[in-house]
Amino acid sequence: MLNYDNKKNEAIITTVYPVVNGNGANYIAMNLAYAAKEKDPHAKIAVVDFDFNHPYLGLALQDDRYHGIDNLIDKINGGFLDEDLFTENMVMLKEDIYLLKGTKMGRFQSVVRQEHLQDIVAHLKKLYDYVFIATNAEATDGGTPVGLFSANNILILGRYNQANKAMAQKASNNITAMAGPADIGILYNFYDGQNGISLNEEFGQWLVFGTVPYQSETVDNINLYDRGLSLSKLGGGKRTKGTNVQETYANVLEAFHI
C-alpha cells in the first residue's frame, strides 16, 4: 500500500500472462485491480488490454467503442500525446477503476509497434499507482513482450489441464527470455480440486499463490455490473472446494507489494 505523503514516482505494474489463451487473464487482471482498490481505496488503478489477438478486456463492462489504444497511436506518431489526451482515452469503470481498451485493428494490428506500447507504459507509470496488464500467451503478439519486460510483477496464469501441461515449458521459456527484473508467481484458474495434473516440473522455481475456481456468477466479471455489490464478494469471495478466492487475491497483492 502506498504512503500518500511520500508517493512513489512510478506505478507498480503487474502483468498477467496466461500459459494458454483462454485461461482467464482478463478476468484475473480485472479482479486483482478491484481487490487492490478495496485494499487501498485512495489508489489510482488502471487495467490495460495488451492482448492484441483477443482484445476483449472490459468488453462486458463498458460499451465504449471510441476510446482505447488505437486513438493514442496517431498522437504518439505526431509527438503530441500528453497526459490529458491519454486520460481522455481511459474508460472509467465502477469504483473509479480506469480501463485502457485494446486495439480494434484486427489484422492491421502491426500498425501498433513496440515503441508505441513503450510510450503508453511510460504514461501509465506516471499517471497511476497500480497498473494491471492482461497479455496474450504468444510471444509474437505485440503486447506480450512489452507487458513482460515492463512489469514489476508477473503473474503466470495456469490451469490444471493437458493443454497447459503441453505449453508450460514454452511459457517458462518466454518469461525467461522476455521478463525484466520482475517478481514472478503462479495462480491457477478454473480449479476444480480433482485434477491430478501437475505443472511443478515446469514452474517449480516460482511461488504458487493459490487457486481460483470456476464460478458462473462471476464469469466475464459480470459481478462488477452491480454497483451495490461489495468488493468483498469479488470473484465469489466464498469458499469453494477449499478455495477462498479473496484470500488468494490477497496473497498475490501482498507478495507483489501492492
Protein backbone atom coordinates (compact mmCIF):
# COMPACT_ATOMS: atom_id res chain seq x y z
CA MET A 1 0.00 0.00 0.00
CA LEU A 2 1.35 3.42 -0.91
CA ASN A 3 2.05 6.18 1.59
CA TYR A 4 0.36 9.20 0.02
CA ASP A 5 2.56 11.66 1.92
CA ASN A 6 5.55 10.16 0.14
CA LYS A 7 4.08 8.70 -3.03
CA LYS A 8 6.09 6.63 -5.48
CA ASN A 9 7.01 8.35 -8.73
CA GLU A 10 6.03 5.36 -10.85
CA ALA A 11 3.23 2.83 -10.86
CA ILE A 12 3.75 -0.75 -9.82
CA ILE A 13 2.97 -2.78 -12.96
CA THR A 14 1.62 -6.32 -12.69
CA THR A 15 1.37 -8.30 -15.92
CA VAL A 16 -0.95 -11.31 -16.09
CA TYR A 17 0.50 -13.80 -18.55
CA PRO A 18 -1.56 -16.91 -19.45
CA VAL A 19 0.15 -20.21 -20.19
CA VAL A 20 -2.62 -20.85 -22.74
CA ASN A 21 -5.03 -18.32 -24.20
CA GLY A 22 -8.41 -18.81 -22.57
CA ASN A 23 -7.02 -19.26 -19.05
CA GLY A 24 -8.80 -16.08 -17.95
CA ALA A 25 -6.11 -13.38 -17.97
CA ASN A 26 -8.68 -10.62 -18.48
CA TYR A 27 -10.82 -11.89 -15.63
CA ILE A 28 -7.92 -12.22 -13.19
CA ALA A 29 -6.38 -8.85 -14.13
CA MET A 30 -9.70 -7.10 -13.60
CA ASN A 31 -10.45 -8.85 -10.32
CA LEU A 32 -6.96 -8.13 -8.98
CA ALA A 33 -7.46 -4.45 -9.82
CA TYR A 34 -10.67 -4.36 -7.79
CA ALA A 35 -9.06 -6.26 -4.93
CA ALA A 36 -6.22 -3.70 -4.93
CA LYS A 37 -8.77 -0.87 -4.88
CA GLU A 38 -10.51 -2.42 -1.91
CA LYS A 39 -7.19 -2.71 -0.10
CA ASP A 40 -6.11 0.85 -0.98
CA PRO A 41 -9.21 2.97 -1.78
CA HIS A 42 -7.19 6.13 -2.50
CA ALA A 43 -5.01 4.50 -5.15
CA LYS A 44 -5.33 5.32 -8.84
CA ILE A 45 -5.61 1.97 -10.60
CA ALA A 46 -5.61 1.08 -14.29
CA VAL A 47 -6.31 -2.14 -16.15
CA VAL A 48 -4.80 -2.47 -19.63
CA ASP A 49 -5.52 -4.76 -22.58
CA PHE A 50 -2.25 -5.74 -24.27
CA ASP A 51 -3.75 -8.88 -25.80
CA PHE A 52 -3.91 -7.79 -29.42
CA ASN A 53 -5.24 -11.07 -30.78
CA HIS A 54 -8.14 -11.19 -28.32
CA PRO A 55 -8.83 -7.56 -27.23
CA TYR A 56 -11.81 -8.35 -25.02
CA LEU A 57 -10.81 -6.86 -21.67
CA GLY A 58 -13.76 -4.99 -20.20
CA LEU A 59 -15.96 -5.78 -23.18
CA ALA A 60 -18.86 -6.82 -20.95
CA LEU A 61 -18.31 -3.95 -18.53
CA GLN A 62 -18.34 -0.88 -20.73
CA ASP A 63 -19.91 -0.37 -24.15
CA ASP A 64 -17.42 2.22 -25.35
CA ARG A 65 -16.37 1.93 -28.99
CA TYR A 66 -14.47 5.19 -29.27
CA HIS A 67 -11.67 5.16 -26.72
CA GLY A 68 -8.66 2.91 -26.36
CA ILE A 69 -5.16 2.15 -27.60
CA ASP A 70 -5.92 2.86 -31.26
CA ASN A 71 -6.73 6.51 -30.51
CA LEU A 72 -3.30 7.00 -28.97
CA ILE A 73 -1.23 5.84 -31.95
CA ASP A 74 -1.54 8.91 -34.19
CA LYS A 75 -0.86 11.16 -31.20
CA ILE A 76 2.31 9.23 -30.41
CA ASN A 77 3.34 9.37 -34.07
CA GLY A 78 2.78 13.13 -34.11
CA GLY A 79 4.68 13.62 -30.87
CA PHE A 80 1.80 15.36 -29.10
CA LEU A 81 0.42 12.72 -26.73
CA ASP A 82 0.16 14.39 -23.34
CA GLU A 83 -1.41 13.38 -20.04
CA ASP A 84 -4.77 15.00 -20.83
CA LEU A 85 -5.11 13.22 -24.18
CA PHE A 86 -4.01 9.97 -22.59
CA THR A 87 -6.55 10.10 -19.76
CA GLU A 88 -9.32 11.03 -22.22
CA ASN A 89 -8.90 7.57 -23.71
CA MET A 90 -9.14 5.77 -20.39
CA VAL A 91 -12.63 4.40 -19.71
CA MET A 92 -13.96 4.83 -16.18
CA LEU A 93 -15.40 1.69 -14.57
CA LYS A 94 -17.14 1.32 -11.23
CA GLU A 95 -15.21 2.19 -8.07
CA ASP A 96 -13.00 4.55 -10.14
CA ILE A 97 -11.01 1.85 -11.89
CA TYR A 98 -9.61 3.04 -15.23
CA LEU A 99 -9.56 0.81 -18.31
CA LEU A 100 -7.40 1.14 -21.41
CA LYS A 101 -9.22 -0.86 -24.05
CA GLY A 102 -7.35 -2.89 -26.65
CA THR A 103 -6.85 -2.43 -30.37
CA LYS A 104 -9.67 -2.81 -32.90
CA MET A 105 -7.32 -3.02 -35.87
CA GLY A 106 -7.60 -6.77 -36.30
CA ARG A 107 -5.19 -7.97 -38.96
CA PHE A 108 -3.78 -4.42 -39.23
CA GLN A 109 -2.59 -4.50 -35.62
CA SER A 110 1.03 -4.37 -36.83
CA VAL A 111 0.45 -0.61 -37.06
CA VAL A 112 0.83 -0.68 -33.27
CA ARG A 113 4.57 -1.04 -32.72
CA GLN A 114 6.62 -1.72 -29.61
CA GLU A 115 7.68 1.91 -29.36
CA HIS A 116 4.00 2.89 -29.22
CA LEU A 117 3.40 0.48 -26.36
CA GLN A 118 6.52 1.63 -24.54
CA ASP A 119 5.22 5.20 -24.72
CA ILE A 120 1.86 4.02 -23.38
CA VAL A 121 3.57 2.22 -20.49
CA ALA A 122 5.54 5.39 -19.69
CA HIS A 123 2.29 7.36 -19.35
CA LEU A 124 0.70 4.64 -17.24
CA LYS A 125 3.68 4.73 -14.90
CA LYS A 126 3.31 8.48 -14.43
CA LEU A 127 -0.46 8.65 -14.05
CA TYR A 128 -1.35 5.65 -11.88
CA ASP A 129 -0.29 3.92 -8.69
CA TYR A 130 -1.04 0.35 -9.75
CA VAL A 131 -1.40 -0.99 -13.29
CA PHE A 132 -2.63 -4.47 -14.22
CA ILE A 133 -1.85 -5.60 -17.79
CA ALA A 134 -3.52 -8.59 -19.46
CA THR A 135 -1.44 -10.19 -22.23
CA ASN A 136 -1.55 -12.98 -24.77
CA ALA A 137 0.25 -16.32 -24.42
CA GLU A 138 2.04 -15.82 -27.74
CA ALA A 139 5.41 -14.06 -27.77
CA THR A 140 4.61 -12.81 -31.28
CA ASP A 141 1.64 -10.80 -30.01
CA GLY A 142 2.94 -7.23 -29.83
CA GLY A 143 1.74 -6.51 -26.31
CA THR A 144 3.22 -9.61 -24.71
CA PRO A 145 6.95 -8.79 -24.78
CA VAL A 146 6.31 -5.18 -23.72
CA GLY A 147 3.98 -6.30 -20.94
CA LEU A 148 6.50 -8.80 -19.62
CA PHE A 149 9.56 -6.58 -19.92
CA SER A 150 7.81 -3.57 -18.33
CA ALA A 151 6.42 -5.48 -15.35
CA ASN A 152 7.48 -5.16 -11.74
CA ASN A 153 5.45 -8.32 -11.16
CA ILE A 154 4.48 -11.18 -13.47
CA LEU A 155 1.55 -13.40 -12.58
CA ILE A 156 1.68 -16.60 -14.61
CA LEU A 157 -1.89 -17.78 -15.04
CA GLY A 158 -2.14 -21.54 -15.39
CA ARG A 159 -4.81 -24.18 -15.41
CA TYR A 160 -4.59 -27.83 -14.45
CA ASN A 161 -5.25 -29.44 -17.81
CA GLN A 162 -3.36 -31.15 -20.64
CA ALA A 163 -3.19 -28.02 -22.81
CA ASN A 164 -1.41 -26.11 -20.05
CA LYS A 165 0.86 -29.09 -19.40
CA ALA A 166 1.85 -29.16 -23.07
CA MET A 167 2.56 -25.41 -23.24
CA ALA A 168 4.10 -24.89 -19.80
CA GLN A 169 7.72 -25.19 -20.91
CA LYS A 170 7.15 -22.73 -23.77
CA ALA A 171 5.58 -20.28 -21.33
CA SER A 172 8.50 -20.67 -18.96
CA ASN A 173 10.93 -20.02 -21.80
CA ASN A 174 9.01 -16.91 -22.90
CA ILE A 175 9.14 -15.44 -19.40
CA THR A 176 12.83 -16.22 -19.03
CA ALA A 177 13.56 -14.58 -22.39
CA MET A 178 11.34 -11.51 -22.14
CA ALA A 179 10.89 -10.61 -18.48
CA GLY A 180 12.86 -7.84 -16.84
CA PRO A 181 13.84 -7.96 -13.14
CA ALA A 182 10.31 -8.82 -12.00
CA ASP A 183 8.85 -10.77 -9.10
CA ILE A 184 7.13 -13.85 -10.53
CA GLY A 185 4.43 -16.16 -9.19
CA ILE A 186 1.77 -18.63 -10.32
CA LEU A 187 -2.00 -18.56 -9.99
CA TYR A 188 -4.23 -21.42 -11.15
CA ASN A 189 -7.66 -20.55 -12.54
CA PHE A 190 -10.76 -22.75 -13.07
CA TYR A 191 -9.61 -25.05 -10.26
CA ASP A 192 -11.91 -27.99 -9.56
CA GLY A 193 -9.96 -29.66 -6.77
CA GLN A 194 -9.87 -33.01 -8.57
CA ASN A 195 -7.45 -32.86 -11.49
CA GLY A 196 -4.23 -34.75 -10.85
CA ILE A 197 -2.18 -32.91 -13.49
CA SER A 198 0.88 -31.17 -12.05
CA LEU A 199 2.94 -28.34 -13.55
CA ASN A 200 5.57 -28.40 -10.80
CA GLU A 201 8.26 -29.67 -13.14
CA GLU A 202 7.92 -26.66 -15.44
CA PHE A 203 7.09 -23.98 -12.85
CA GLY A 204 8.65 -25.35 -9.68
CA GLN A 205 11.01 -22.40 -9.31
CA TRP A 206 8.14 -19.95 -8.75
CA LEU A 207 5.78 -19.47 -5.83
CA VAL A 208 2.17 -20.65 -6.19
CA PHE A 209 -0.22 -18.07 -4.73
CA GLY A 210 -3.34 -20.22 -4.82
CA THR A 211 -6.28 -21.17 -6.99
CA VAL A 212 -9.48 -19.60 -8.28
CA PRO A 213 -12.41 -21.92 -9.05
CA TYR A 214 -14.78 -21.52 -11.96
CA GLN A 215 -17.87 -19.65 -10.79
CA SER A 216 -20.68 -18.98 -13.22
CA GLU A 217 -21.90 -15.95 -11.26
CA THR A 218 -18.63 -14.08 -11.88
CA VAL A 219 -17.54 -15.25 -15.34
CA ASP A 220 -16.66 -12.32 -17.65
CA ASN A 221 -16.65 -10.15 -14.49
CA ILE A 222 -20.44 -9.89 -14.66
CA ASN A 223 -20.50 -9.41 -10.88
CA LEU A 224 -18.98 -5.95 -11.48
CA TYR A 225 -22.16 -4.71 -13.19
CA ASP A 226 -23.87 -4.27 -9.83
CA ARG A 227 -22.65 -1.14 -8.06
CA GLY A 228 -24.29 -2.37 -4.87
CA LEU A 229 -22.07 -5.45 -4.77
CA SER A 230 -19.49 -5.38 -2.01
CA LEU A 231 -15.98 -5.87 -3.30
CA SER A 232 -15.56 -8.47 -0.55
CA LYS A 233 -17.71 -10.65 -2.81
CA LEU A 234 -15.25 -10.27 -5.66
CA GLY A 235 -14.68 -13.45 -7.57
CA GLY A 236 -17.39 -15.02 -5.45
CA GLY A 237 -15.47 -14.20 -2.28
CA LYS A 238 -16.54 -17.51 -0.79
CA ARG A 239 -15.02 -20.86 -0.04
CA THR A 240 -15.47 -23.29 -2.92
CA LYS A 241 -13.96 -26.76 -2.60
CA GLY A 242 -11.45 -25.49 -0.09
CA THR A 243 -10.56 -22.33 -2.02
CA ASN A 244 -11.15 -18.85 -0.59
CA VAL A 245 -10.91 -16.52 -3.57
CA GLN A 246 -10.43 -13.33 -1.61
CA GLU A 247 -7.53 -14.84 0.34
CA THR A 248 -5.94 -15.94 -2.93
CA TYR A 249 -6.06 -12.40 -4.34
CA ALA A 250 -4.72 -11.06 -1.04
CA ASN A 251 -1.77 -13.47 -1.31
CA VAL A 252 -0.93 -12.10 -4.76
CA LEU A 253 -1.18 -8.45 -3.69
CA GLU A 254 0.93 -8.95 -0.58
CA ALA A 255 3.68 -10.84 -2.41
CA PHE A 256 3.76 -8.21 -5.16
CA HIS A 257 3.92 -5.29 -2.66
CA ILE A 258 0.56 -3.89 -3.69
